[in-house]
N, C-alpha and C. Protein backbone atom coordinates (compact mmCIF):
# COMPACT_ATOMS: atom_id res chain seq x y z
N UNK A 1 18.95 -1.99 15.79
CA UNK A 1 18.61 -0.61 15.51
C UNK A 1 18.27 0.08 16.84
N UNK A 2 18.90 1.17 17.12
CA UNK A 2 18.68 1.92 18.36
C UNK A 2 17.51 2.89 18.19
N UNK A 3 16.89 3.22 19.30
CA UNK A 3 15.82 4.19 19.32
C UNK A 3 16.30 5.44 20.04
N UNK A 4 16.12 6.59 19.41
CA UNK A 4 16.50 7.85 20.04
C UNK A 4 15.26 8.48 20.65
N UNK A 5 15.27 8.63 21.98
CA UNK A 5 14.18 9.29 22.68
C UNK A 5 14.48 10.77 22.84
N UNK A 6 13.65 11.45 23.62
CA UNK A 6 13.81 12.89 23.80
C UNK A 6 15.16 13.24 24.42
N UNK A 7 15.62 12.42 25.37
CA UNK A 7 16.90 12.72 26.04
C UNK A 7 18.04 12.65 25.02
N UNK A 8 18.03 11.63 24.19
CA UNK A 8 19.08 11.49 23.18
C UNK A 8 19.01 12.60 22.14
N UNK A 9 17.80 12.96 21.74
CA UNK A 9 17.64 14.06 20.78
C UNK A 9 18.13 15.38 21.38
N UNK A 10 17.76 15.62 22.64
CA UNK A 10 18.19 16.85 23.31
C UNK A 10 19.70 16.91 23.40
N UNK A 11 20.32 15.80 23.70
CA UNK A 11 21.79 15.75 23.79
C UNK A 11 22.42 16.05 22.43
N UNK A 12 21.89 15.45 21.37
CA UNK A 12 22.43 15.67 20.02
C UNK A 12 22.24 17.13 19.59
N UNK A 13 21.06 17.69 19.86
CA UNK A 13 20.81 19.09 19.51
C UNK A 13 21.74 20.00 20.30
N UNK A 14 21.92 19.69 21.56
CA UNK A 14 22.82 20.47 22.42
C UNK A 14 24.23 20.49 21.86
N UNK A 15 24.71 19.34 21.44
CA UNK A 15 26.06 19.23 20.90
C UNK A 15 26.20 19.97 19.57
N UNK A 16 25.16 19.94 18.74
CA UNK A 16 25.22 20.60 17.43
C UNK A 16 25.07 22.11 17.51
N UNK A 17 24.31 22.59 18.50
CA UNK A 17 23.99 24.01 18.53
C UNK A 17 24.70 24.79 19.63
N UNK A 18 25.21 24.09 20.64
CA UNK A 18 25.87 24.79 21.74
C UNK A 18 24.93 25.25 22.83
N UNK A 19 23.64 24.95 22.71
CA UNK A 19 22.72 25.28 23.79
C UNK A 19 22.80 24.17 24.83
N UNK A 20 22.25 24.43 26.01
CA UNK A 20 22.27 23.39 27.04
C UNK A 20 21.28 22.28 26.69
N UNK A 21 21.48 21.11 27.31
CA UNK A 21 20.55 20.01 27.09
C UNK A 21 19.16 20.39 27.57
N UNK A 22 19.08 21.15 28.64
CA UNK A 22 17.78 21.58 29.17
C UNK A 22 17.08 22.48 28.15
N UNK A 23 17.80 23.41 27.54
CA UNK A 23 17.21 24.29 26.53
C UNK A 23 16.76 23.48 25.32
N UNK A 24 17.57 22.51 24.91
CA UNK A 24 17.22 21.66 23.77
C UNK A 24 15.97 20.85 24.08
N UNK A 25 15.86 20.32 25.30
CA UNK A 25 14.69 19.54 25.70
C UNK A 25 13.45 20.43 25.72
N UNK A 26 13.59 21.67 26.18
CA UNK A 26 12.47 22.62 26.18
C UNK A 26 12.01 22.91 24.76
N UNK A 27 12.97 23.03 23.84
CA UNK A 27 12.63 23.25 22.43
C UNK A 27 11.86 22.06 21.88
N UNK A 28 12.35 20.86 22.14
CA UNK A 28 11.69 19.64 21.64
C UNK A 28 10.26 19.58 22.18
N UNK A 29 10.10 19.80 23.48
CA UNK A 29 8.76 19.76 24.09
C UNK A 29 7.84 20.81 23.48
N UNK A 30 8.37 22.01 23.25
CA UNK A 30 7.58 23.08 22.63
C UNK A 30 7.19 22.73 21.20
N UNK A 31 8.12 22.14 20.47
CA UNK A 31 7.85 21.72 19.10
C UNK A 31 6.73 20.69 19.07
N UNK A 32 6.84 19.67 19.92
CA UNK A 32 5.83 18.61 19.96
C UNK A 32 4.46 19.19 20.34
N UNK A 33 4.41 20.04 21.36
CA UNK A 33 3.15 20.65 21.78
C UNK A 33 2.54 21.49 20.66
N UNK A 34 3.37 22.23 19.95
CA UNK A 34 2.88 23.07 18.86
C UNK A 34 2.33 22.23 17.72
N UNK A 35 3.02 21.17 17.35
CA UNK A 35 2.53 20.28 16.29
C UNK A 35 1.19 19.67 16.72
N UNK A 36 1.10 19.22 17.98
CA UNK A 36 -0.15 18.65 18.47
C UNK A 36 -1.29 19.66 18.39
N UNK A 37 -1.02 20.90 18.78
CA UNK A 37 -2.04 21.95 18.73
C UNK A 37 -2.49 22.22 17.30
N UNK A 38 -1.53 22.32 16.39
CA UNK A 38 -1.86 22.59 14.99
C UNK A 38 -2.68 21.46 14.40
N UNK A 39 -2.26 20.21 14.64
CA UNK A 39 -2.99 19.07 14.10
C UNK A 39 -4.38 18.99 14.72
N UNK A 40 -4.48 19.28 16.01
CA UNK A 40 -5.77 19.28 16.69
C UNK A 40 -6.71 20.33 16.13
N UNK A 41 -6.16 21.40 15.60
CA UNK A 41 -6.96 22.46 14.99
C UNK A 41 -7.26 22.21 13.52
N UNK A 42 -6.84 21.07 13.01
CA UNK A 42 -7.12 20.73 11.62
C UNK A 42 -6.08 21.19 10.62
N UNK A 43 -4.97 21.75 11.10
CA UNK A 43 -3.91 22.23 10.21
C UNK A 43 -2.90 21.13 9.90
N UNK A 44 -2.14 21.34 8.84
CA UNK A 44 -0.97 20.51 8.51
C UNK A 44 0.25 21.27 8.99
N UNK A 45 1.31 20.54 9.30
CA UNK A 45 2.59 21.16 9.64
C UNK A 45 3.60 20.64 8.63
N UNK A 46 4.09 21.54 7.76
CA UNK A 46 5.00 21.14 6.70
C UNK A 46 6.37 21.74 6.93
N UNK A 47 7.37 20.86 6.96
CA UNK A 47 8.77 21.27 7.04
C UNK A 47 9.39 20.88 5.70
N UNK A 48 9.53 21.86 4.82
CA UNK A 48 9.97 21.61 3.45
C UNK A 48 11.29 20.83 3.46
N UNK A 49 11.32 19.76 2.69
CA UNK A 49 12.50 18.92 2.59
C UNK A 49 12.54 17.82 3.63
N UNK A 50 11.82 18.00 4.75
CA UNK A 50 11.80 16.99 5.80
C UNK A 50 10.53 16.16 5.74
N UNK A 51 9.37 16.83 5.79
CA UNK A 51 8.12 16.09 5.71
C UNK A 51 6.95 16.89 6.21
N UNK A 52 5.78 16.25 6.19
CA UNK A 52 4.54 16.90 6.57
C UNK A 52 3.81 16.05 7.61
N UNK A 53 3.42 16.71 8.70
CA UNK A 53 2.57 16.09 9.71
C UNK A 53 1.14 16.48 9.37
N UNK A 54 0.22 15.51 9.39
CA UNK A 54 -1.18 15.79 9.08
C UNK A 54 -2.05 14.76 9.79
N UNK A 55 -3.36 14.91 9.66
CA UNK A 55 -4.28 13.94 10.22
C UNK A 55 -5.14 13.36 9.11
N UNK A 56 -5.65 12.17 9.39
CA UNK A 56 -6.59 11.53 8.48
C UNK A 56 -7.71 10.94 9.30
N UNK A 57 -8.89 10.93 8.72
CA UNK A 57 -10.03 10.32 9.39
C UNK A 57 -10.06 8.84 9.02
N UNK A 58 -10.11 8.02 10.03
CA UNK A 58 -10.24 6.57 9.81
C UNK A 58 -11.70 6.22 10.09
N UNK A 59 -12.36 5.64 9.11
CA UNK A 59 -13.78 5.27 9.25
C UNK A 59 -13.93 4.13 10.24
N UNK A 60 -15.14 4.00 10.79
CA UNK A 60 -15.38 2.86 11.68
C UNK A 60 -15.25 1.58 10.86
N UNK A 61 -14.85 0.53 11.54
CA UNK A 61 -14.65 -0.73 10.83
C UNK A 61 -14.85 -1.89 11.79
N UNK A 62 -14.94 -3.06 11.22
CA UNK A 62 -15.12 -4.26 12.01
C UNK A 62 -13.75 -4.88 12.27
N UNK A 63 -13.57 -5.34 13.48
CA UNK A 63 -12.33 -6.02 13.83
C UNK A 63 -12.63 -7.26 14.64
N UNK A 64 -11.58 -7.89 15.14
CA UNK A 64 -11.75 -9.09 15.96
C UNK A 64 -10.83 -9.01 17.17
N UNK A 65 -11.33 -9.48 18.30
CA UNK A 65 -10.50 -9.56 19.50
C UNK A 65 -9.46 -10.65 19.27
N UNK A 66 -8.20 -10.35 19.51
CA UNK A 66 -7.15 -11.34 19.23
C UNK A 66 -7.31 -12.65 20.01
N UNK A 67 -7.70 -12.57 21.27
CA UNK A 67 -7.77 -13.78 22.08
C UNK A 67 -8.95 -14.68 21.77
N UNK A 68 -10.09 -14.07 21.45
CA UNK A 68 -11.31 -14.85 21.28
C UNK A 68 -11.81 -14.93 19.84
N UNK A 69 -11.37 -14.02 19.02
CA UNK A 69 -11.86 -13.98 17.64
C UNK A 69 -13.23 -13.32 17.54
N UNK A 70 -13.75 -12.85 18.67
CA UNK A 70 -15.07 -12.20 18.70
C UNK A 70 -15.05 -10.93 17.85
N UNK A 71 -16.12 -10.74 17.06
CA UNK A 71 -16.22 -9.54 16.22
C UNK A 71 -16.50 -8.33 17.10
N UNK A 72 -15.82 -7.23 16.80
CA UNK A 72 -16.06 -5.98 17.50
C UNK A 72 -16.10 -4.85 16.49
N UNK A 73 -16.77 -3.75 16.87
CA UNK A 73 -16.78 -2.58 16.00
C UNK A 73 -15.74 -1.60 16.51
N UNK A 74 -14.84 -1.21 15.65
CA UNK A 74 -13.81 -0.22 15.99
C UNK A 74 -14.34 1.13 15.54
N UNK A 75 -14.49 2.07 16.48
CA UNK A 75 -15.10 3.36 16.12
C UNK A 75 -14.22 4.19 15.19
N UNK A 76 -14.84 5.13 14.50
CA UNK A 76 -14.10 6.07 13.65
C UNK A 76 -13.17 6.88 14.53
N UNK A 77 -12.05 7.29 13.97
CA UNK A 77 -11.09 8.10 14.74
C UNK A 77 -10.27 8.95 13.79
N UNK A 78 -9.60 9.92 14.39
CA UNK A 78 -8.66 10.75 13.63
C UNK A 78 -7.27 10.30 14.03
N UNK A 79 -6.44 10.01 13.05
CA UNK A 79 -5.10 9.50 13.34
C UNK A 79 -4.04 10.43 12.76
N UNK A 80 -2.91 10.56 13.46
CA UNK A 80 -1.82 11.37 12.94
C UNK A 80 -1.07 10.62 11.84
N UNK A 81 -0.56 11.36 10.86
CA UNK A 81 0.17 10.79 9.74
C UNK A 81 1.40 11.66 9.48
N UNK A 82 2.50 11.02 9.15
CA UNK A 82 3.70 11.75 8.74
C UNK A 82 4.08 11.28 7.35
N UNK A 83 4.24 12.22 6.44
CA UNK A 83 4.66 11.89 5.08
C UNK A 83 6.06 12.49 4.89
N UNK A 84 7.03 11.63 4.67
CA UNK A 84 8.41 12.07 4.51
C UNK A 84 8.57 12.91 3.24
N UNK A 85 9.39 13.95 3.34
CA UNK A 85 9.68 14.81 2.21
C UNK A 85 10.80 14.25 1.35
N UNK A 86 10.97 14.83 0.19
CA UNK A 86 11.97 14.37 -0.78
C UNK A 86 13.37 14.40 -0.19
N UNK A 87 13.72 15.48 0.51
CA UNK A 87 15.05 15.61 1.08
C UNK A 87 15.36 14.52 2.10
N UNK A 88 14.39 14.21 2.96
CA UNK A 88 14.59 13.15 3.95
C UNK A 88 14.73 11.80 3.28
N UNK A 89 13.89 11.53 2.30
CA UNK A 89 13.98 10.26 1.58
C UNK A 89 15.34 10.10 0.91
N UNK A 90 15.81 11.17 0.28
CA UNK A 90 17.12 11.12 -0.39
C UNK A 90 18.24 10.91 0.62
N UNK A 91 18.16 11.57 1.76
CA UNK A 91 19.18 11.44 2.80
C UNK A 91 19.24 10.00 3.31
N UNK A 92 18.08 9.39 3.51
CA UNK A 92 18.02 8.01 4.00
C UNK A 92 18.54 7.02 2.96
N UNK A 93 18.44 7.38 1.70
CA UNK A 93 18.90 6.49 0.63
C UNK A 93 20.26 6.92 0.08
N UNK A 94 20.96 7.79 0.83
CA UNK A 94 22.32 8.23 0.49
C UNK A 94 22.44 8.81 -0.91
N UNK A 95 21.51 9.65 -1.29
CA UNK A 95 21.57 10.27 -2.63
C UNK A 95 22.00 11.70 -2.53
């Protein structure tokens, strides 16, 4: 399975839309920055049919260091979450 990074995405967007790869890369960077800003402000970002970006609070919990097995406390944190939309799920399952 291949991984598509920003360069590959910019190239694909460029080919589909006719904009330059540089313009496509600028769009991708702007999109990512905007999503980060919205999530940081406590908002959700919903792209109907594609999915929703949101955050969730993860409570503090106990964990273990992999090498030693020593117990450690993992602090509470806010984590990003992506929930796929119906259209994306159907596309991935060829429906």
